[in-house]
Amino acid sequence: MRLVAAPVDVHINEIARDSLAMFVVHAERAVQQLTLTEPEVGALLSMMNGTGIEPGSAHHLALWLEDALEYGLAEEWDIDGTNLQWRIEAMHPFDVAVLAMTLRAAWNVSGRFDGNPMAAARALGLLPATTPSAP
C-alpha cells in the first residue's frame, strides 16, 4: 500500500493505522511459525545482547550467528548451530526482521520479567507459554 495511492477522502491516520494493524497481524504470524527450541532462543538472545540491530540490518542475523558460532555459542547452549544458521538463512526477509526485532524487544522489556530476557521472549511468543506444574 502506498500512501500516494490513497483516495482523497481517506485520512492519512486511517492508512497508518491500517498499515500498522496489517504489520502486527503478519508479525504475529511470523513469530507463531517459528520452530525454535528454548536453547536456540537462549543462544540467539545471548548473541543479541548489546547489539544495535534495526529492521534494516536484520538480514545480517545469520552472519552474526555464524560469527557467534565461531566463538563457541553452539557448545555453550548445546545446539546445532549450523542447522539454526541454515534455517535463518532460508527464512523470508520479513520473518528474519520480525525474529530479530522480537529478540531485541525481549531484551528491551526484560526488566518487566525480573531481568530475564528468556521470560520476555516467552511472553512475546518466541516460545510456548509455560504451564504450571501439577501438584
Protein backbone atom coordinates (compact mmCIF):
# COMPACT_ATOMS: atom_id res chain seq x y z
CA MET A 1 0.00 0.00 0.00
CA ARG A 2 1.44 3.32 -0.99
CA LEU A 3 0.34 6.50 0.69
CA VAL A 4 0.29 8.41 -2.61
CA ALA A 5 -2.26 5.96 -3.97
CA ALA A 6 -4.77 6.71 -1.21
CA PRO A 7 -8.13 8.15 -2.23
CA VAL A 8 -8.60 11.80 -1.35
CA ASP A 9 -11.33 11.08 1.21
CA VAL A 10 -9.17 8.70 3.25
CA HIS A 11 -7.27 10.30 6.11
CA ILE A 12 -3.57 9.57 6.48
CA ASN A 13 -4.18 8.42 10.08
CA GLU A 14 -6.52 5.69 8.86
CA ILE A 15 -3.94 4.49 6.36
CA ALA A 16 -1.22 4.50 9.00
CA ARG A 17 -3.47 2.65 11.49
CA ASP A 18 -4.44 0.04 8.90
CA SER A 19 -0.82 -0.42 7.81
CA LEU A 20 0.29 -0.91 11.41
CA ALA A 21 -2.54 -3.36 12.06
CA MET A 22 -1.55 -5.32 8.95
CA PHE A 23 2.06 -5.40 10.10
CA VAL A 24 1.09 -6.67 13.55
CA VAL A 25 -1.02 -9.48 12.08
CA HIS A 26 1.80 -10.61 9.80
CA ALA A 27 4.45 -10.22 12.50
CA GLU A 28 2.42 -12.38 14.90
CA ARG A 29 2.00 -14.98 12.14
CA ALA A 30 5.75 -14.98 11.53
CA VAL A 31 6.54 -15.47 15.23
CA GLN A 32 3.96 -18.25 15.56
CA GLN A 33 5.51 -20.14 12.65
CA LEU A 34 8.99 -20.14 14.16
CA THR A 35 10.06 -23.51 15.47
CA LEU A 36 12.84 -22.55 17.84
CA THR A 37 13.82 -24.56 20.85
CA GLU A 38 14.45 -22.94 24.21
CA PRO A 39 18.24 -23.40 23.88
CA GLU A 40 18.13 -21.86 20.38
CA VAL A 41 16.23 -18.83 21.68
CA GLY A 42 18.70 -18.59 24.55
CA ALA A 43 21.62 -18.68 22.13
CA LEU A 44 20.06 -16.03 19.90
CA LEU A 45 19.31 -13.83 22.91
CA SER A 46 22.88 -14.26 24.12
CA MET A 47 24.16 -13.33 20.69
CA MET A 48 21.87 -10.27 20.50
CA ASN A 49 22.83 -8.87 23.90
CA GLY A 50 24.06 -5.34 23.33
CA THR A 51 23.73 -5.34 19.55
CA GLY A 52 22.29 -2.38 17.72
CA ILE A 53 20.17 -4.37 15.30
CA GLU A 54 17.46 -2.50 13.45
CA PRO A 55 14.88 -3.67 10.90
CA GLY A 56 17.20 -2.57 8.10
CA SER A 57 20.12 -4.62 9.43
CA ALA A 58 18.13 -7.72 10.44
CA HIS A 59 19.17 -9.50 7.26
CA HIS A 60 22.60 -9.83 8.90
CA LEU A 61 21.22 -12.08 11.65
CA ALA A 62 22.56 -15.28 10.05
CA LEU A 63 26.00 -13.71 9.58
CA TRP A 64 26.09 -12.58 13.21
CA LEU A 65 25.11 -16.10 14.21
CA GLU A 66 27.92 -17.52 12.06
CA ASP A 67 30.41 -15.27 13.87
CA ALA A 68 29.00 -16.21 17.28
CA LEU A 69 29.24 -19.90 16.42
CA GLU A 70 32.97 -19.45 15.80
CA TYR A 71 33.25 -18.27 19.40
CA GLY A 72 31.51 -21.33 20.86
CA LEU A 73 27.86 -20.26 21.03
CA ALA A 74 26.62 -23.70 19.89
CA GLU A 75 28.62 -25.51 22.54
CA GLU A 76 27.58 -23.05 25.24
CA TRP A 77 23.89 -23.63 24.50
CA ASP A 78 24.15 -27.25 23.26
CA ILE A 79 22.51 -26.50 19.92
CA ASP A 80 23.12 -27.45 16.31
CA GLY A 81 24.33 -24.00 15.33
CA THR A 82 24.83 -24.80 11.67
CA ASN A 83 21.26 -26.04 11.37
CA LEU A 84 19.96 -22.91 13.10
CA GLN A 85 22.01 -20.73 10.77
CA TRP A 86 20.66 -22.54 7.69
CA ARG A 87 17.10 -22.18 8.96
CA ILE A 88 17.57 -18.44 9.48
CA GLU A 89 19.17 -18.08 6.04
CA ALA A 90 16.16 -19.85 4.49
CA MET A 91 13.65 -17.54 6.16
CA HIS A 92 11.82 -14.80 4.29
CA PRO A 93 13.46 -11.40 4.95
CA PHE A 94 10.32 -10.16 6.74
CA ASP A 95 10.37 -13.18 9.05
CA VAL A 96 14.07 -12.63 9.84
CA ALA A 97 13.35 -8.99 10.65
CA VAL A 98 10.46 -9.99 12.92
CA LEU A 99 12.68 -12.55 14.67
CA ALA A 100 15.46 -10.00 15.16
CA MET A 101 13.09 -7.29 16.39
CA THR A 102 11.38 -9.73 18.76
CA LEU A 103 14.75 -10.76 20.19
CA ARG A 104 15.64 -7.09 20.63
CA ALA A 105 12.24 -6.45 22.23
CA ALA A 106 12.88 -9.31 24.68
CA TRP A 107 15.99 -7.52 25.89
CA ASN A 108 14.20 -4.16 25.97
CA VAL A 109 11.32 -5.42 28.13
CA SER A 110 13.29 -7.94 30.20
CA GLY A 111 13.08 -5.58 33.19
CA ARG A 112 9.38 -6.38 33.38
CA PHE A 113 10.37 -10.03 33.83
CA ASP A 114 12.92 -9.59 36.63
CA GLY A 115 15.68 -9.01 34.10
CA ASN A 116 15.05 -12.37 32.40
CA PRO A 117 15.11 -11.97 28.59
CA MET A 118 14.08 -15.62 28.14
CA ALA A 119 10.86 -14.99 30.11
CA ALA A 120 10.30 -11.87 27.99
CA ALA A 121 10.89 -13.89 24.80
CA ARG A 122 8.32 -16.41 26.01
CA ALA A 123 5.80 -13.62 26.70
CA LEU A 124 6.47 -12.20 23.23
CA GLY A 125 5.60 -15.57 21.66
CA LEU A 126 9.03 -16.92 20.68
CA LEU A 127 8.40 -19.95 22.89
CA PRO A 128 5.22 -21.64 24.09
CA ALA A 129 3.87 -20.35 27.36
CA THR A 130 4.82 -22.46 30.34
CA THR A 131 2.12 -24.30 32.18
CA PRO A 132 2.07 -24.67 35.94
CA SER A 133 3.34 -27.98 37.25
CA ALA A 134 0.77 -30.43 38.52
CA PRO A 135 0.78 -30.96 42.30
